[in-house]
Amino acid sequence: MEKINPDKSINIKGLVCPYTFVKSKLAIESMEVGQVLEILLDYEEASRNIPKSMEDHGQTVLKVDKIGEKEWILLIRKDKE
């Protein structure tokens, strides 16, 4: 699989819902359509909720990877304003 270089990266480790989604949504809103947002997080519920919410808002989830015992990395492409 090709490596995707994110246009913006945010680290929301230490945050819990709903703050995880609020920070993610604000970050993607500030981006251009077609750009990719990388999200680093350590809250398991958010690793499921953020991708679902982003898809519900018309964005594309490119990757959800567990990178540690309690760490995830998400890649979201902005496909809709």
C-alpha atoms as a PDB file:
ATOM      1  CA  MET A   1       0.000   0.000   0.000  1.00  0.00           C
ATOM      2  CA  GLU A   2       1.311   3.450  -0.858  1.00  0.00           C
ATOM      3  CA  LYS A   3       2.333   5.799   1.924  1.00  0.00           C
ATOM      4  CA  ILE A   4      -0.067   8.672   2.410  1.00  0.00           C
ATOM      5  CA  ASN A   5       1.503  11.949   3.482  1.00  0.00           C
ATOM      6  CA  PRO A   6      -0.962  13.922   5.587  1.00  0.00           C
ATOM      7  CA  ASP A   7      -1.432  17.637   4.939  1.00  0.00           C
ATOM      8  CA  LYS A   8      -2.145  18.278   8.623  1.00  0.00           C
ATOM      9  CA  SER A   9      -1.625  16.301  11.809  1.00  0.00           C
ATOM     10  CA  ILE A  10      -3.235  16.682  15.226  1.00  0.00           C
ATOM     11  CA  ASN A  11      -2.434  14.912  18.478  1.00  0.00           C
ATOM     12  CA  ILE A  12      -5.505  14.478  20.681  1.00  0.00           C
ATOM     13  CA  LYS A  13      -3.983  12.030  23.141  1.00  0.00           C
ATOM     14  CA  GLY A  14      -5.383  12.574  26.614  1.00  0.00           C
ATOM     15  CA  LEU A  15      -8.750  13.822  25.353  1.00  0.00           C
ATOM     16  CA  VAL A  16     -12.039  11.928  25.598  1.00  0.00           C
ATOM     17  CA  CYS A  17     -15.344  12.198  23.726  1.00  0.00           C
ATOM     18  CA  PRO A  18     -16.845  14.600  22.763  1.00  0.00           C
ATOM     19  CA  TYR A  19     -13.631  16.678  22.743  1.00  0.00           C
ATOM     20  CA  THR A  20     -11.882  14.185  20.469  1.00  0.00           C
ATOM     21  CA  PHE A  21     -14.507  14.658  17.752  1.00  0.00           C
ATOM     22  CA  VAL A  22     -14.753  18.435  18.251  1.00  0.00           C
ATOM     23  CA  LYS A  23     -10.975  18.869  17.784  1.00  0.00           C
ATOM     24  CA  SER A  24     -11.005  16.539  14.759  1.00  0.00           C
ATOM     25  CA  LYS A  25     -13.969  18.306  13.157  1.00  0.00           C
ATOM     26  CA  LEU A  26     -12.433  21.758  13.655  1.00  0.00           C
ATOM     27  CA  ALA A  27      -9.154  20.555  12.145  1.00  0.00           C
ATOM     28  CA  ILE A  28     -10.773  19.097   9.029  1.00  0.00           C
ATOM     29  CA  GLU A  29     -13.006  22.158   8.589  1.00  0.00           C
ATOM     30  CA  SER A  30      -9.886  24.325   8.277  1.00  0.00           C
ATOM     31  CA  MET A  31      -8.548  22.181   5.419  1.00  0.00           C
ATOM     32  CA  GLU A  32      -9.126  22.147   1.665  1.00  0.00           C
ATOM     33  CA  VAL A  33     -11.145  19.422  -0.072  1.00  0.00           C
ATOM     34  CA  GLY A  34      -8.784  16.597  -1.034  1.00  0.00           C
ATOM     35  CA  GLN A  35      -6.375  17.176   1.838  1.00  0.00           C
ATOM     36  CA  VAL A  36      -5.633  14.449   4.400  1.00  0.00           C
ATOM     37  CA  LEU A  37      -5.810  14.839   8.176  1.00  0.00           C
ATOM     38  CA  GLU A  38      -3.771  12.577  10.453  1.00  0.00           C
ATOM     39  CA  ILE A  39      -5.159  12.108  13.965  1.00  0.00           C
ATOM     40  CA  LEU A  40      -3.165  10.567  16.815  1.00  0.00           C
ATOM     41  CA  LEU A  41      -5.247   9.432  19.781  1.00  0.00           C
ATOM     42  CA  ASP A  42      -5.237   7.178  22.805  1.00  0.00           C
ATOM     43  CA  TYR A  43      -8.950   6.816  23.569  1.00  0.00           C
ATOM     44  CA  GLU A  44     -10.392   3.565  22.225  1.00  0.00           C
ATOM     45  CA  GLU A  45     -13.976   4.784  21.945  1.00  0.00           C
ATOM     46  CA  ALA A  46     -12.790   7.710  19.804  1.00  0.00           C
ATOM     47  CA  SER A  47     -10.946   5.299  17.493  1.00  0.00           C
ATOM     48  CA  ARG A  48     -14.391   3.994  16.528  1.00  0.00           C
ATOM     49  CA  ASN A  49     -16.514   7.140  16.890  1.00  0.00           C
ATOM     50  CA  ILE A  50     -14.351   9.609  14.946  1.00  0.00           C
ATOM     51  CA  PRO A  51     -14.249   7.504  11.738  1.00  0.00           C
ATOM     52  CA  LYS A  52     -18.013   6.903  11.893  1.00  0.00           C
ATOM     53  CA  SER A  53     -18.758  10.588  12.511  1.00  0.00           C
ATOM     54  CA  MET A  54     -16.396  11.706   9.744  1.00  0.00           C
ATOM     55  CA  GLU A  55     -18.081   9.354   7.274  1.00  0.00           C
ATOM     56  CA  ASP A  56     -21.482  10.641   8.426  1.00  0.00           C
ATOM     57  CA  HIS A  57     -20.237  14.150   7.518  1.00  0.00           C
ATOM     58  CA  GLY A  58     -19.126  13.081   4.014  1.00  0.00           C
ATOM     59  CA  GLN A  59     -15.398  12.575   4.635  1.00  0.00           C
ATOM     60  CA  THR A  60     -13.411   9.456   3.679  1.00  0.00           C
ATOM     61  CA  VAL A  61     -11.614   7.323   6.258  1.00  0.00           C
ATOM     62  CA  LEU A  62      -8.374   6.129   4.649  1.00  0.00           C
ATOM     63  CA  LYS A  63      -6.861   4.327   7.612  1.00  0.00           C
ATOM     64  CA  VAL A  64      -7.506   3.320  11.219  1.00  0.00           C
ATOM     65  CA  ASP A  65      -4.418   1.659  12.683  1.00  0.00           C
ATOM     66  CA  LYS A  66      -3.713   0.591  16.219  1.00  0.00           C
ATOM     67  CA  ILE A  67      -0.051   1.556  16.691  1.00  0.00           C
ATOM     68  CA  GLY A  68       0.404   0.728  20.368  1.00  0.00           C
ATOM     69  CA  GLU A  69      -1.355  -0.848  23.296  1.00  0.00           C
ATOM     70  CA  LYS A  70      -3.579   2.230  23.629  1.00  0.00           C
ATOM     71  CA  GLU A  71      -2.698   4.351  20.611  1.00  0.00           C
ATOM     72  CA  TRP A  72      -4.327   4.761  17.216  1.00  0.00           C
ATOM     73  CA  ILE A  73      -3.594   6.716  14.076  1.00  0.00           C
ATOM     74  CA  LEU A  74      -6.412   7.771  11.743  1.00  0.00           C
ATOM     75  CA  LEU A  75      -6.148   9.213   8.258  1.00  0.00           C
ATOM     76  CA  ILE A  76      -9.176  11.135   7.029  1.00  0.00           C
ATOM     77  CA  ARG A  77      -9.491  12.734   3.574  1.00  0.00           C
ATOM     78  CA  LYS A  78     -11.683  15.797   3.333  1.00  0.00           C
ATOM     79  CA  ASP A  79     -14.132  15.130   0.517  1.00  0.00           C
ATOM     80  CA  LYS A  80     -16.866  17.592   1.438  1.00  0.00           C
ATOM     81  CA  GLU A  81     -17.045  21.139   2.786  1.00  0.00           C
END
